[in-house]
Amino acid sequence: MTTIRKATSEDAEVIIDFQQKMAWETEKMTLETETIHKGVYSVFADPTLGQYWVAEEKGNVVASLLITYEWSDWRNSKVWWFQSVYVLPESRRKGIFRSMYHHIKNEADKEGVAGLRLYVETNNSKAQHTYEALGMQSLHYKMFEWMKE
């Protein structure tokens, strides 16, 4: 049975490990250890930055994600963004993200959140199919970014 819960600072080291694995898996990027540690712990120190959620099976964390916030003046409400989604490879395709999604969607409904959003690698067709199966839609927006190296 999968348990979904808000992460606590005791989960930080697992989340850091997941983020390092995801960066390598998706972009062949090695994250700077000090930066990722500070980044994850900053969320626990300042809840206005976001909230981590984890999925546990048999007492072990098998997945994590970060929810961050966008203010929508069009809706006069927050929109929650799924970020940093990671599920251990051996736990994939078992409905864990689906459970996390439904749990968080219920929390968003309770808090009057206008909607949920995420971005996905253009080549990650498995994830895209998962999101579509949950009723999410790929819209007409294209994402642009500027990021410091």
N, C-alpha and C. Protein backbone atom coordinates (compact mmCIF):
# COMPACT_ATOMS: atom_id res chain seq x y z
N MET A 1 0.84 -1.18 0.00
CA MET A 1 0.00 0.00 0.00
C MET A 1 0.88 1.24 0.00
N THR A 2 0.51 2.23 -0.79
CA THR A 2 1.26 3.47 -0.89
C THR A 2 0.65 4.53 0.01
N THR A 3 1.49 5.19 0.78
CA THR A 3 1.07 6.29 1.64
C THR A 3 1.64 7.58 1.06
N ILE A 4 0.78 8.58 0.88
CA ILE A 4 1.20 9.89 0.40
C ILE A 4 1.13 10.85 1.58
N ARG A 5 2.21 11.61 1.77
CA ARG A 5 2.22 12.56 2.88
C ARG A 5 3.12 13.74 2.54
N LYS A 6 2.87 14.86 3.25
CA LYS A 6 3.77 15.99 3.13
C LYS A 6 5.12 15.57 3.69
N ALA A 7 6.15 15.95 3.00
CA ALA A 7 7.50 15.61 3.45
C ALA A 7 7.87 16.48 4.65
N THR A 8 8.78 15.98 5.44
CA THR A 8 9.35 16.74 6.55
C THR A 8 10.85 16.87 6.30
N SER A 9 11.49 17.69 7.10
CA SER A 9 12.94 17.89 6.91
C SER A 9 13.70 16.57 7.08
N GLU A 10 13.12 15.59 7.77
CA GLU A 10 13.77 14.28 7.89
C GLU A 10 13.85 13.57 6.54
N ASP A 11 13.04 13.98 5.58
CA ASP A 11 13.05 13.39 4.24
C ASP A 11 14.03 14.09 3.30
N ALA A 12 14.64 15.16 3.77
CA ALA A 12 15.46 16.00 2.88
C ALA A 12 16.57 15.24 2.18
N GLU A 13 17.28 14.39 2.88
CA GLU A 13 18.41 13.69 2.26
C GLU A 13 17.95 12.74 1.15
N VAL A 14 16.81 12.10 1.33
CA VAL A 14 16.26 11.24 0.28
C VAL A 14 15.85 12.09 -0.91
N ILE A 15 15.21 13.22 -0.66
CA ILE A 15 14.79 14.12 -1.74
C ILE A 15 16.01 14.63 -2.50
N ILE A 16 17.06 14.98 -1.79
CA ILE A 16 18.30 15.44 -2.43
C ILE A 16 18.85 14.33 -3.33
N ASP A 17 18.88 13.12 -2.82
CA ASP A 17 19.35 11.99 -3.62
C ASP A 17 18.49 11.82 -4.88
N PHE A 18 17.17 11.90 -4.73
CA PHE A 18 16.27 11.77 -5.88
C PHE A 18 16.54 12.87 -6.90
N GLN A 19 16.76 14.10 -6.45
CA GLN A 19 17.00 15.20 -7.37
C GLN A 19 18.30 15.02 -8.14
N GLN A 20 19.32 14.51 -7.46
CA GLN A 20 20.58 14.25 -8.14
C GLN A 20 20.39 13.16 -9.19
N LYS A 21 19.63 12.12 -8.86
CA LYS A 21 19.37 11.04 -9.82
C LYS A 21 18.56 11.56 -11.00
N MET A 22 17.55 12.39 -10.73
CA MET A 22 16.71 12.91 -11.80
C MET A 22 17.52 13.80 -12.74
N ALA A 23 18.37 14.67 -12.19
CA ALA A 23 19.17 15.56 -13.02
C ALA A 23 20.06 14.75 -13.96
N TRP A 24 20.62 13.67 -13.45
CA TRP A 24 21.48 12.85 -14.30
C TRP A 24 20.64 12.09 -15.34
N GLU A 25 19.53 11.53 -14.90
CA GLU A 25 18.68 10.74 -15.79
C GLU A 25 18.10 11.57 -16.92
N THR A 26 17.66 12.79 -16.62
CA THR A 26 16.97 13.59 -17.63
C THR A 26 17.90 14.48 -18.45
N GLU A 27 18.98 14.98 -17.84
CA GLU A 27 19.83 15.94 -18.54
C GLU A 27 21.31 15.60 -18.50
N LYS A 28 21.65 14.44 -17.93
CA LYS A 28 23.06 14.07 -17.75
C LYS A 28 23.82 15.20 -17.04
N MET A 29 23.16 15.79 -16.05
CA MET A 29 23.70 16.90 -15.29
C MET A 29 24.03 16.44 -13.88
N THR A 30 25.19 16.84 -13.40
CA THR A 30 25.57 16.59 -12.01
C THR A 30 25.31 17.87 -11.23
N LEU A 31 24.44 17.79 -10.24
CA LEU A 31 24.11 18.97 -9.44
C LEU A 31 25.21 19.24 -8.42
N GLU A 32 25.47 20.51 -8.19
CA GLU A 32 26.44 20.89 -7.18
C GLU A 32 25.86 20.54 -5.81
N THR A 33 26.58 19.72 -5.06
CA THR A 33 26.08 19.18 -3.79
C THR A 33 25.63 20.28 -2.83
N GLU A 34 26.44 21.28 -2.62
CA GLU A 34 26.09 22.34 -1.67
C GLU A 34 24.83 23.09 -2.12
N THR A 35 24.72 23.35 -3.41
CA THR A 35 23.56 24.09 -3.93
C THR A 35 22.27 23.31 -3.75
N ILE A 36 22.26 22.01 -4.12
CA ILE A 36 21.03 21.22 -4.00
C ILE A 36 20.65 21.04 -2.53
N HIS A 37 21.64 20.88 -1.65
CA HIS A 37 21.33 20.79 -0.22
C HIS A 37 20.65 22.08 0.26
N LYS A 38 21.24 23.20 -0.05
CA LYS A 38 20.65 24.48 0.37
C LYS A 38 19.27 24.67 -0.25
N GLY A 39 19.12 24.28 -1.52
CA GLY A 39 17.84 24.44 -2.20
C GLY A 39 16.72 23.65 -1.57
N VAL A 40 16.98 22.40 -1.27
CA VAL A 40 15.95 21.54 -0.67
C VAL A 40 15.64 22.01 0.75
N TYR A 41 16.67 22.24 1.54
CA TYR A 41 16.43 22.68 2.93
C TYR A 41 15.75 24.05 2.99
N SER A 42 15.95 24.89 1.97
CA SER A 42 15.28 26.20 1.94
C SER A 42 13.77 26.07 1.88
N VAL A 43 13.29 25.04 1.18
CA VAL A 43 11.84 24.83 1.09
C VAL A 43 11.27 24.47 2.47
N PHE A 44 12.01 23.65 3.21
CA PHE A 44 11.55 23.29 4.55
C PHE A 44 11.62 24.49 5.50
N ALA A 45 12.58 25.38 5.30
CA ALA A 45 12.73 26.55 6.17
C ALA A 45 11.72 27.65 5.83
N ASP A 46 11.27 27.70 4.59
CA ASP A 46 10.37 28.77 4.15
C ASP A 46 9.24 28.18 3.32
N PRO A 47 8.11 27.84 3.95
CA PRO A 47 7.01 27.18 3.24
C PRO A 47 6.38 28.02 2.13
N THR A 48 6.70 29.32 2.06
CA THR A 48 6.16 30.12 0.95
C THR A 48 6.83 29.73 -0.37
N LEU A 49 7.97 29.02 -0.29
CA LEU A 49 8.66 28.58 -1.50
C LEU A 49 7.99 27.37 -2.14
N GLY A 50 7.35 26.55 -1.32
CA GLY A 50 6.71 25.35 -1.85
C GLY A 50 6.55 24.31 -0.76
N GLN A 51 6.17 23.14 -1.18
CA GLN A 51 6.01 22.02 -0.25
C GLN A 51 6.36 20.72 -0.97
N TYR A 52 7.15 19.92 -0.29
CA TYR A 52 7.49 18.60 -0.82
C TYR A 52 6.47 17.59 -0.35
N TRP A 53 6.22 16.61 -1.20
CA TRP A 53 5.37 15.47 -0.89
C TRP A 53 6.14 14.21 -1.21
N VAL A 54 5.91 13.17 -0.46
CA VAL A 54 6.56 11.89 -0.70
C VAL A 54 5.53 10.76 -0.73
N ALA A 55 5.91 9.70 -1.40
CA ALA A 55 5.14 8.45 -1.40
C ALA A 55 6.00 7.41 -0.72
N GLU A 56 5.37 6.68 0.19
CA GLU A 56 6.07 5.62 0.93
C GLU A 56 5.42 4.28 0.64
N GLU A 57 6.26 3.27 0.57
CA GLU A 57 5.80 1.89 0.52
C GLU A 57 6.63 1.10 1.51
N LYS A 58 5.96 0.40 2.40
CA LYS A 58 6.63 -0.40 3.43
C LYS A 58 7.65 0.42 4.21
N GLY A 59 7.30 1.68 4.49
CA GLY A 59 8.15 2.54 5.29
C GLY A 59 9.31 3.18 4.54
N ASN A 60 9.42 2.93 3.24
CA ASN A 60 10.50 3.51 2.45
C ASN A 60 9.94 4.55 1.48
N VAL A 61 10.62 5.68 1.38
CA VAL A 61 10.22 6.71 0.42
C VAL A 61 10.61 6.23 -0.97
N VAL A 62 9.63 6.16 -1.87
CA VAL A 62 9.87 5.67 -3.23
C VAL A 62 9.64 6.75 -4.29
N ALA A 63 9.11 7.91 -3.86
CA ALA A 63 8.86 9.00 -4.81
C ALA A 63 8.75 10.31 -4.05
N SER A 64 9.07 11.38 -4.76
CA SER A 64 8.90 12.71 -4.17
C SER A 64 8.57 13.70 -5.28
N LEU A 65 7.99 14.80 -4.88
CA LEU A 65 7.73 15.90 -5.80
C LEU A 65 7.64 17.19 -4.99
N LEU A 66 7.77 18.28 -5.71
CA LEU A 66 7.70 19.60 -5.11
C LEU A 66 6.53 20.35 -5.73
N ILE A 67 5.73 20.97 -4.89
CA ILE A 67 4.67 21.85 -5.36
C ILE A 67 5.14 23.28 -5.11
N THR A 68 5.14 24.09 -6.18
CA THR A 68 5.41 25.52 -6.04
C THR A 68 4.18 26.29 -6.46
N TYR A 69 4.19 27.59 -6.20
CA TYR A 69 2.97 28.38 -6.35
C TYR A 69 3.13 29.48 -7.39
N GLU A 70 2.08 29.65 -8.15
CA GLU A 70 1.96 30.75 -9.10
C GLU A 70 0.68 31.51 -8.74
N TRP A 71 0.74 32.83 -8.74
CA TRP A 71 -0.47 33.61 -8.52
C TRP A 71 -1.10 33.90 -9.86
N SER A 72 -2.38 33.61 -10.02
CA SER A 72 -3.11 33.91 -11.24
C SER A 72 -4.06 35.07 -10.99
N ASP A 73 -3.73 36.22 -11.55
CA ASP A 73 -4.64 37.36 -11.42
C ASP A 73 -5.91 37.12 -12.23
N TRP A 74 -5.83 36.34 -13.28
CA TRP A 74 -7.01 36.03 -14.07
C TRP A 74 -8.03 35.24 -13.27
N ARG A 75 -7.55 34.44 -12.32
CA ARG A 75 -8.44 33.57 -11.54
C ARG A 75 -8.56 34.01 -10.08
N ASN A 76 -7.76 35.01 -9.70
CA ASN A 76 -7.72 35.47 -8.32
C ASN A 76 -7.49 34.29 -7.37
N SER A 77 -6.53 33.46 -7.75
CA SER A 77 -6.24 32.26 -6.98
C SER A 77 -4.86 31.75 -7.34
N LYS A 78 -4.36 30.84 -6.51
CA LYS A 78 -3.09 30.19 -6.80
C LYS A 78 -3.27 29.06 -7.81
N VAL A 79 -2.20 28.80 -8.53
CA VAL A 79 -2.05 27.61 -9.35
C VAL A 79 -0.86 26.88 -8.77
N TRP A 80 -1.00 25.59 -8.58
CA TRP A 80 0.11 24.79 -8.06
C TRP A 80 0.84 24.14 -9.22
N TRP A 81 2.16 24.21 -9.15
CA TRP A 81 3.03 23.58 -10.15
C TRP A 81 3.69 22.35 -9.55
N PHE A 82 3.59 21.24 -10.28
CA PHE A 82 4.34 20.04 -9.93
C PHE A 82 5.76 20.25 -10.47
N GLN A 83 6.74 20.05 -9.61
CA GLN A 83 8.12 20.14 -10.03
C GLN A 83 8.91 19.01 -9.38
N SER A 84 10.08 18.78 -9.92
CA SER A 84 11.02 17.83 -9.32
C SER A 84 10.38 16.48 -9.01
N VAL A 85 9.55 16.00 -9.93
CA VAL A 85 8.88 14.71 -9.74
C VAL A 85 9.89 13.59 -9.97
N TYR A 86 10.01 12.70 -9.00
CA TYR A 86 10.92 11.56 -9.16
C TYR A 86 10.31 10.34 -8.49
N VAL A 87 10.30 9.25 -9.24
CA VAL A 87 9.87 7.95 -8.72
C VAL A 87 11.03 6.99 -8.98
N LEU A 88 11.40 6.24 -7.96
CA LEU A 88 12.47 5.27 -8.13
C LEU A 88 12.16 4.36 -9.32
N PRO A 89 13.17 4.05 -10.14
CA PRO A 89 12.92 3.22 -11.33
C PRO A 89 12.16 1.93 -11.06
N GLU A 90 12.49 1.25 -9.96
CA GLU A 90 11.81 -0.02 -9.66
C GLU A 90 10.37 0.17 -9.19
N SER A 91 9.98 1.41 -8.92
CA SER A 91 8.62 1.69 -8.47
C SER A 91 7.76 2.35 -9.55
N ARG A 92 8.33 2.54 -10.72
CA ARG A 92 7.58 3.18 -11.81
C ARG A 92 6.57 2.23 -12.43
N ARG A 93 5.57 2.83 -13.06
CA ARG A 93 4.50 2.11 -13.76
C ARG A 93 3.65 1.28 -12.80
N LYS A 94 3.59 1.73 -11.53
CA LYS A 94 2.78 1.03 -10.53
C LYS A 94 1.69 1.93 -9.95
N GLY A 95 1.49 3.10 -10.55
CA GLY A 95 0.44 4.00 -10.10
C GLY A 95 0.83 4.92 -8.95
N ILE A 96 2.10 5.00 -8.64
CA ILE A 96 2.52 5.84 -7.52
C ILE A 96 2.30 7.32 -7.82
N PHE A 97 2.75 7.77 -8.99
CA PHE A 97 2.50 9.18 -9.31
C PHE A 97 1.00 9.45 -9.39
N ARG A 98 0.26 8.52 -9.94
CA ARG A 98 -1.21 8.69 -10.02
C ARG A 98 -1.78 8.91 -8.62
N SER A 99 -1.35 8.13 -7.65
CA SER A 99 -1.81 8.31 -6.26
C SER A 99 -1.41 9.67 -5.72
N MET A 100 -0.18 10.07 -6.00
CA MET A 100 0.29 11.38 -5.53
C MET A 100 -0.54 12.50 -6.18
N TYR A 101 -0.76 12.37 -7.47
CA TYR A 101 -1.54 13.38 -8.20
C TYR A 101 -2.94 13.54 -7.60
N HIS A 102 -3.64 12.44 -7.41
CA HIS A 102 -5.00 12.51 -6.88
C HIS A 102 -5.01 13.07 -5.46
N HIS A 103 -4.06 12.68 -4.65
CA HIS A 103 -3.98 13.19 -3.28
C HIS A 103 -3.77 14.72 -3.30
N ILE A 104 -2.84 15.17 -4.10
CA ILE A 104 -2.53 16.59 -4.16
C ILE A 104 -3.67 17.37 -4.80
N LYS A 105 -4.32 16.79 -5.80
CA LYS A 105 -5.48 17.45 -6.41
C LYS A 105 -6.58 17.65 -5.38
N ASN A 106 -6.80 16.66 -4.53
CA ASN A 106 -7.79 16.80 -3.45
C ASN A 106 -7.40 17.91 -2.49
N GLU A 107 -6.11 17.98 -2.13
CA GLU A 107 -5.64 19.05 -1.26
C GLU A 107 -5.84 20.42 -1.92
N ALA A 108 -5.54 20.50 -3.21
CA ALA A 108 -5.72 21.75 -3.95
C ALA A 108 -7.18 22.17 -3.96
N ASP A 109 -8.08 21.21 -4.17
CA ASP A 109 -9.52 21.51 -4.15
C ASP A 109 -9.94 22.08 -2.80
N LYS A 110 -9.44 21.47 -1.71
CA LYS A 110 -9.77 21.94 -0.36
C LYS A 110 -9.31 23.38 -0.13
N GLU A 111 -8.17 23.73 -0.73
CA GLU A 111 -7.59 25.05 -0.51
C GLU A 111 -8.02 26.08 -1.54
N GLY A 112 -8.92 25.71 -2.45
CA GLY A 112 -9.42 26.65 -3.44
C GLY A 112 -8.43 27.01 -4.53
N VAL A 113 -7.51 26.12 -4.80
CA VAL A 113 -6.51 26.34 -5.85
C VAL A 113 -7.19 26.27 -7.22
N ALA A 114 -6.79 27.18 -8.11
CA ALA A 114 -7.44 27.26 -9.43
C ALA A 114 -7.08 26.10 -10.35
N GLY A 115 -5.89 25.53 -10.20
CA GLY A 115 -5.50 24.45 -11.09
C GLY A 115 -4.12 23.92 -10.78
N LEU A 116 -3.76 22.89 -11.51
CA LEU A 116 -2.46 22.24 -11.37
C LEU A 116 -1.76 22.30 -12.72
N ARG A 117 -0.46 22.55 -12.67
CA ARG A 117 0.33 22.60 -13.90
C ARG A 117 1.64 21.86 -13.70
N LEU A 118 2.25 21.49 -14.81
CA LEU A 118 3.59 20.94 -14.78
C LEU A 118 4.21 21.12 -16.15
N TYR A 119 5.51 20.99 -16.18
CA TYR A 119 6.19 20.93 -17.46
C TYR A 119 6.93 19.60 -17.53
N VAL A 120 7.17 19.16 -18.75
CA VAL A 120 7.77 17.84 -18.95
C VAL A 120 8.75 17.93 -20.12
N GLU A 121 9.81 17.17 -20.04
CA GLU A 121 10.77 17.08 -21.14
C GLU A 121 10.02 16.71 -22.42
N THR A 122 10.34 17.37 -23.51
CA THR A 122 9.63 17.12 -24.76
C THR A 122 9.79 15.68 -25.25
N ASN A 123 10.87 15.01 -24.88
CA ASN A 123 11.10 13.64 -25.32
C ASN A 123 10.61 12.59 -24.34
N ASN A 124 10.05 12.99 -23.21
CA ASN A 124 9.61 12.04 -22.19
C ASN A 124 8.17 11.62 -22.46
N SER A 125 8.01 10.77 -23.46
CA SER A 125 6.66 10.39 -23.88
C SER A 125 5.93 9.55 -22.83
N LYS A 126 6.66 8.74 -22.05
CA LYS A 126 6.01 7.94 -21.00
C LYS A 126 5.33 8.86 -19.98
N ALA A 127 6.06 9.88 -19.53
CA ALA A 127 5.48 10.81 -18.56
C ALA A 127 4.30 11.56 -19.18
N GLN A 128 4.44 11.97 -20.44
CA GLN A 128 3.35 12.70 -21.10
C GLN A 128 2.09 11.85 -21.17
N HIS A 129 2.23 10.57 -21.47
CA HIS A 129 1.07 9.68 -21.52
C HIS A 129 0.44 9.53 -20.13
N THR A 130 1.28 9.47 -19.10
CA THR A 130 0.77 9.39 -17.73
C THR A 130 -0.06 10.62 -17.41
N TYR A 131 0.45 11.79 -17.71
CA TYR A 131 -0.26 13.04 -17.40
C TYR A 131 -1.57 13.14 -18.19
N GLU A 132 -1.53 12.73 -19.44
CA GLU A 132 -2.76 12.74 -20.25
C GLU A 132 -3.80 11.78 -19.68
N ALA A 133 -3.34 10.61 -19.22
CA ALA A 133 -4.26 9.62 -18.65
C ALA A 133 -4.93 10.14 -17.37
N LEU A 134 -4.28 11.11 -16.71
CA LEU A 134 -4.85 11.71 -15.50
C LEU A 134 -5.83 12.84 -15.83
N GLY A 135 -5.98 13.14 -17.11
CA GLY A 135 -6.90 14.20 -17.52
C GLY A 135 -6.23 15.55 -17.73
N MET A 136 -4.91 15.58 -17.62
CA MET A 136 -4.20 16.83 -17.88
C MET A 136 -4.08 17.01 -19.39
N GLN A 137 -3.98 18.26 -19.82
CA GLN A 137 -3.91 18.56 -21.25
C GLN A 137 -2.63 19.32 -21.57
N SER A 138 -2.08 19.02 -22.73
CA SER A 138 -0.98 19.83 -23.26
C SER A 138 -1.63 21.00 -23.97
N LEU A 139 -1.27 22.20 -23.53
CA LEU A 139 -1.95 23.38 -24.06
C LEU A 139 -1.13 24.08 -25.13
N HIS A 140 -1.60 25.21 -25.51
CA HIS A 140 -1.02 25.94 -26.63
C HIS A 140 0.16 26.83 -26.22
N TYR A 141 0.59 26.74 -24.98
CA TYR A 141 1.73 27.54 -24.53
C TYR A 141 3.03 26.80 -24.78
N LYS A 142 4.06 27.55 -25.08
CA LYS A 142 5.40 27.01 -25.22
C LYS A 142 6.25 27.66 -24.14
N MET A 143 7.09 26.89 -23.51
CA MET A 143 7.88 27.41 -22.40
C MET A 143 9.22 27.94 -22.92
N PHE A 144 9.61 29.09 -22.39
CA PHE A 144 10.92 29.67 -22.66
C PHE A 144 11.58 29.91 -21.33
N GLU A 145 12.91 29.92 -21.32
CA GLU A 145 13.59 30.15 -20.06
C GLU A 145 14.93 30.83 -20.27
N TRP A 146 15.41 31.46 -19.24
CA TRP A 146 16.76 31.94 -19.12
C TRP A 146 17.25 31.43 -17.79
N MET A 147 18.33 30.70 -17.78
CA MET A 147 18.86 30.14 -16.54
C MET A 147 20.36 30.40 -16.48
N LYS A 148 20.84 30.77 -15.30
CA LYS A 148 22.27 30.91 -15.10
C LYS A 148 22.90 29.53 -15.18
N GLU A 149 24.09 29.47 -15.69
CA GLU A 149 24.83 28.20 -15.75
C GLU A 149 25.29 27.81 -14.38
